[in-house]
């Protein structure tokens, strides 16, 4: 087909730009542009036509689908998004006890008193003796 077309100034500049950037001739730029536009329009029209052929064609075998769709969705999502079940009592971890006696707090924020030091020394001796097998 032979085409003789008149372009306004803006379309002329657009075609000239495409010719320069792509290195194609004017005829090839116009053929490519028509093909691109055709593909775009065809995709829009054919997609909706094919989709329309499928709407309402399925049969689930249930008569209550439209009336109970919210309940059916809730049932389906309950398994997928349900909160995790609580762990059995035998799996619950107890907090570990430290292997050493707790250090006594100092009173007044100052140096520990002599009796605190004596208690610490006794606790250290107990731990050492326990480690060596003496109790």
C-alpha atoms as a PDB file:
ATOM      1  CA  UNK A   1       0.000   0.000   0.000  1.00  0.00           C
ATOM      2  CA  UNK A   2       1.258   3.440  -0.790  1.00  0.00           C
ATOM      3  CA  UNK A   3       0.448   6.232   1.681  1.00  0.00           C
ATOM      4  CA  UNK A   4       0.647   9.971   1.183  1.00  0.00           C
ATOM      5  CA  UNK A   5       0.099  11.767   4.506  1.00  0.00           C
ATOM      6  CA  UNK A   6       0.377  15.320   5.733  1.00  0.00           C
ATOM      7  CA  UNK A   7       1.839  15.743   9.210  1.00  0.00           C
ATOM      8  CA  UNK A   8       1.652  18.815  11.385  1.00  0.00           C
ATOM      9  CA  UNK A   9       4.926  20.302  12.613  1.00  0.00           C
ATOM     10  CA  UNK A  10       4.987  18.322  15.897  1.00  0.00           C
ATOM     11  CA  UNK A  11       4.423  14.920  14.208  1.00  0.00           C
ATOM     12  CA  UNK A  12       7.051  15.829  11.593  1.00  0.00           C
ATOM     13  CA  UNK A  13       9.579  16.569  14.376  1.00  0.00           C
ATOM     14  CA  UNK A  14       8.713  13.284  16.129  1.00  0.00           C
ATOM     15  CA  UNK A  15       9.260  11.254  12.943  1.00  0.00           C
ATOM     16  CA  UNK A  16      12.537  13.106  12.244  1.00  0.00           C
ATOM     17  CA  UNK A  17      13.706  12.350  15.803  1.00  0.00           C
ATOM     18  CA  UNK A  18      12.873   8.639  15.466  1.00  0.00           C
ATOM     19  CA  UNK A  19      14.700   8.474  12.125  1.00  0.00           C
ATOM     20  CA  UNK A  20      17.779  10.093  13.656  1.00  0.00           C
ATOM     21  CA  UNK A  21      17.849   8.045  16.854  1.00  0.00           C
ATOM     22  CA  UNK A  22      17.037   4.626  15.367  1.00  0.00           C
ATOM     23  CA  UNK A  23      18.863   4.984  12.079  1.00  0.00           C
ATOM     24  CA  UNK A  24      15.815   3.657  10.185  1.00  0.00           C
ATOM     25  CA  UNK A  25      14.261   5.312   7.174  1.00  0.00           C
ATOM     26  CA  UNK A  26      11.009   7.275   7.326  1.00  0.00           C
ATOM     27  CA  UNK A  27       9.011   4.390   5.794  1.00  0.00           C
ATOM     28  CA  UNK A  28      10.424   1.895   8.318  1.00  0.00           C
ATOM     29  CA  UNK A  29       9.698   4.234  11.266  1.00  0.00           C
ATOM     30  CA  UNK A  30       6.097   4.615  10.080  1.00  0.00           C
ATOM     31  CA  UNK A  31       5.681   0.831   9.542  1.00  0.00           C
ATOM     32  CA  UNK A  32       7.064   0.128  13.016  1.00  0.00           C
ATOM     33  CA  UNK A  33       4.837   2.789  14.568  1.00  0.00           C
ATOM     34  CA  UNK A  34       1.711   1.382  12.889  1.00  0.00           C
ATOM     35  CA  UNK A  35       2.660  -2.158  14.024  1.00  0.00           C
ATOM     36  CA  UNK A  36       3.176  -0.980  17.612  1.00  0.00           C
ATOM     37  CA  UNK A  37      -0.166   0.844  17.661  1.00  0.00           C
ATOM     38  CA  UNK A  38      -1.924  -2.144  16.090  1.00  0.00           C
ATOM     39  CA  UNK A  39      -0.484  -4.553  18.692  1.00  0.00           C
ATOM     40  CA  UNK A  40      -1.561  -2.235  21.501  1.00  0.00           C
ATOM     41  CA  UNK A  41      -5.155  -1.893  20.281  1.00  0.00           C
ATOM     42  CA  UNK A  42      -5.426  -5.592  19.491  1.00  0.00           C
ATOM     43  CA  UNK A  43      -4.231  -6.584  22.975  1.00  0.00           C
ATOM     44  CA  UNK A  44      -6.784  -4.313  24.650  1.00  0.00           C
ATOM     45  CA  UNK A  45      -9.714  -5.556  22.611  1.00  0.00           C
ATOM     46  CA  UNK A  46      -8.889  -9.242  22.485  1.00  0.00           C
ATOM     47  CA  UNK A  47      -8.123  -9.501  26.219  1.00  0.00           C
ATOM     48  CA  UNK A  48     -11.562  -8.314  27.240  1.00  0.00           C
ATOM     49  CA  UNK A  49     -13.370 -10.390  24.643  1.00  0.00           C
ATOM     50  CA  UNK A  50     -11.681 -13.598  25.821  1.00  0.00           C
ATOM     51  CA  UNK A  51     -12.294 -12.751  29.456  1.00  0.00           C
ATOM     52  CA  UNK A  52     -15.991 -12.219  28.769  1.00  0.00           C
ATOM     53  CA  UNK A  53     -16.234 -15.747  27.400  1.00  0.00           C
ATOM     54  CA  UNK A  54     -15.205 -17.188  30.795  1.00  0.00           C
ATOM     55  CA  UNK A  55     -17.292 -15.055  33.145  1.00  0.00           C
ATOM     56  CA  UNK A  56     -20.109 -17.038  34.720  1.00  0.00           C
ATOM     57  CA  UNK A  57     -19.179 -20.288  32.985  1.00  0.00           C
ATOM     58  CA  UNK A  58     -17.902 -22.240  35.988  1.00  0.00           C
ATOM     59  CA  UNK A  59     -20.005 -24.562  38.093  1.00  0.00           C
ATOM     60  CA  UNK A  60     -18.773 -25.367  41.573  1.00  0.00           C
ATOM     61  CA  UNK A  61     -21.702 -27.667  42.293  1.00  0.00           C
ATOM     62  CA  UNK A  62     -22.776 -25.457  45.187  1.00  0.00           C
ATOM     63  CA  UNK A  63     -26.017 -23.492  45.122  1.00  0.00           C
ATOM     64  CA  UNK A  64     -25.030 -21.137  47.982  1.00  0.00           C
ATOM     65  CA  UNK A  65     -21.817 -19.618  46.592  1.00  0.00           C
ATOM     66  CA  UNK A  66     -23.204 -16.136  45.899  1.00  0.00           C
ATOM     67  CA  UNK A  67     -25.099 -15.952  49.193  1.00  0.00           C
ATOM     68  CA  UNK A  68     -22.299 -17.224  51.411  1.00  0.00           C
ATOM     69  CA  UNK A  69     -19.199 -15.902  49.700  1.00  0.00           C
ATOM     70  CA  UNK A  70     -18.022 -13.948  52.756  1.00  0.00           C
ATOM     71  CA  UNK A  71     -18.320 -16.964  55.032  1.00  0.00           C
ATOM     72  CA  UNK A  72     -16.573 -19.156  52.444  1.00  0.00           C
ATOM     73  CA  UNK A  73     -13.712 -16.664  52.178  1.00  0.00           C
ATOM     74  CA  UNK A  74     -13.418 -16.489  55.972  1.00  0.00           C
ATOM     75  CA  UNK A  75     -13.228 -20.288  56.166  1.00  0.00           C
ATOM     76  CA  UNK A  76     -10.550 -20.442  53.524  1.00  0.00           C
ATOM     77  CA  UNK A  77      -8.491 -17.659  55.042  1.00  0.00           C
ATOM     78  CA  UNK A  78      -8.802 -19.022  58.586  1.00  0.00           C
ATOM     79  CA  UNK A  79      -6.428 -21.862  57.794  1.00  0.00           C
ATOM     80  CA  UNK A  80      -3.987 -19.629  55.989  1.00  0.00           C
ATOM     81  CA  UNK A  81      -3.910 -16.653  58.361  1.00  0.00           C
ATOM     82  CA  UNK A  82      -4.819 -18.287  61.690  1.00  0.00           C
ATOM     83  CA  UNK A  83      -2.719 -17.276  64.706  1.00  0.00           C
ATOM     84  CA  UNK A  84      -0.149 -19.907  65.673  1.00  0.00           C
ATOM     85  CA  UNK A  85      -1.312 -22.460  68.219  1.00  0.00           C
ATOM     86  CA  UNK A  86       0.082 -22.219  71.743  1.00  0.00           C
ATOM     87  CA  UNK A  87       3.009 -24.511  72.483  1.00  0.00           C
ATOM     88  CA  UNK A  88       2.263 -27.551  74.679  1.00  0.00           C
ATOM     89  CA  UNK A  89       3.217 -27.176  78.325  1.00  0.00           C
ATOM     90  CA  UNK A  90       6.106 -29.627  77.974  1.00  0.00           C
ATOM     91  CA  UNK A  91       7.684 -27.397  75.301  1.00  0.00           C
ATOM     92  CA  UNK A  92       7.596 -24.181  77.306  1.00  0.00           C
ATOM     93  CA  UNK A  93      11.132 -23.329  78.387  1.00  0.00           C
ATOM     94  CA  UNK A  94      11.723 -22.430  81.995  1.00  0.00           C
ATOM     95  CA  UNK A  95      14.150 -19.593  82.629  1.00  0.00           C
ATOM     96  CA  UNK A  96      17.604 -20.971  83.375  1.00  0.00           C
ATOM     97  CA  UNK A  97      18.967 -20.511  86.858  1.00  0.00           C
ATOM     98  CA  UNK A  98      22.436 -18.971  87.030  1.00  0.00           C
ATOM     99  CA  UNK A  99      25.152 -21.440  88.127  1.00  0.00           C
ATOM    100  CA  UNK A 100      26.339 -18.984  90.764  1.00  0.00           C
ATOM    101  CA  UNK A 101      24.633 -17.159  93.654  1.00  0.00           C
ATOM    102  CA  UNK A 102      23.325 -13.692  92.893  1.00  0.00           C
ATOM    103  CA  UNK A 103      25.601 -10.879  94.008  1.00  0.00           C
ATOM    104  CA  UNK A 104      24.197  -8.841  96.909  1.00  0.00           C
ATOM    105  CA  UNK A 105      23.309  -5.256  96.096  1.00  0.00           C
ATOM    106  CA  UNK A 106      25.406  -2.539  97.660  1.00  0.00           C
ATOM    107  CA  UNK A 107      23.639  -0.153  99.999  1.00  0.00           C
ATOM    108  CA  UNK A 108      24.017   3.550  99.378  1.00  0.00           C
ATOM    109  CA  UNK A 109      25.937   3.107  96.143  1.00  0.00           C
ATOM    110  CA  UNK A 110      29.299   3.050  97.971  1.00  0.00           C
ATOM    111  CA  UNK A 111      31.892   0.368  98.546  1.00  0.00           C
ATOM    112  CA  UNK A 112      30.615  -3.040  99.629  1.00  0.00           C
ATOM    113  CA  UNK A 113      30.754  -3.671 103.337  1.00  0.00           C
ATOM    114  CA  UNK A 114      33.113  -6.169 104.898  1.00  0.00           C
ATOM    115  CA  UNK A 115      30.272  -8.626 105.519  1.00  0.00           C
ATOM    116  CA  UNK A 116      29.385  -8.462 101.781  1.00  0.00           C
ATOM    117  CA  UNK A 117      32.974  -9.355 100.908  1.00  0.00           C
ATOM    118  CA  UNK A 118      32.902 -12.260 103.360  1.00  0.00           C
ATOM    119  CA  UNK A 119      29.676 -13.556 101.772  1.00  0.00           C
ATOM    120  CA  UNK A 120      31.217 -13.322  98.301  1.00  0.00           C
ATOM    121  CA  UNK A 121      34.324 -15.192  99.452  1.00  0.00           C
ATOM    122  CA  UNK A 122      32.186 -17.948 100.968  1.00  0.00           C
ATOM    123  CA  UNK A 123      30.135 -18.195  97.759  1.00  0.00           C
ATOM    124  CA  UNK A 124      33.312 -18.435  95.640  1.00  0.00           C
ATOM    125  CA  UNK A 125      34.682 -21.150  97.889  1.00  0.00           C
ATOM    126  CA  UNK A 126      31.398 -23.108  97.571  1.00  0.00           C
ATOM    127  CA  UNK A 127      31.485 -22.844  93.782  1.00  0.00           C
ATOM    128  CA  UNK A 128      35.145 -23.927  93.650  1.00  0.00           C
ATOM    129  CA  UNK A 129      34.502 -26.862  95.953  1.00  0.00           C
ATOM    130  CA  UNK A 130      31.481 -27.908  93.879  1.00  0.00           C
ATOM    131  CA  UNK A 131      33.561 -27.827  90.710  1.00  0.00           C
ATOM    132  CA  UNK A 132      36.238 -30.030  92.236  1.00  0.00           C
ATOM    133  CA  UNK A 133      33.628 -32.523  93.442  1.00  0.00           C
ATOM    134  CA  UNK A 134      33.725 -31.519  97.104  1.00  0.00           C
ATOM    135  CA  UNK A 135      30.439 -30.444  98.598  1.00  0.00           C
END
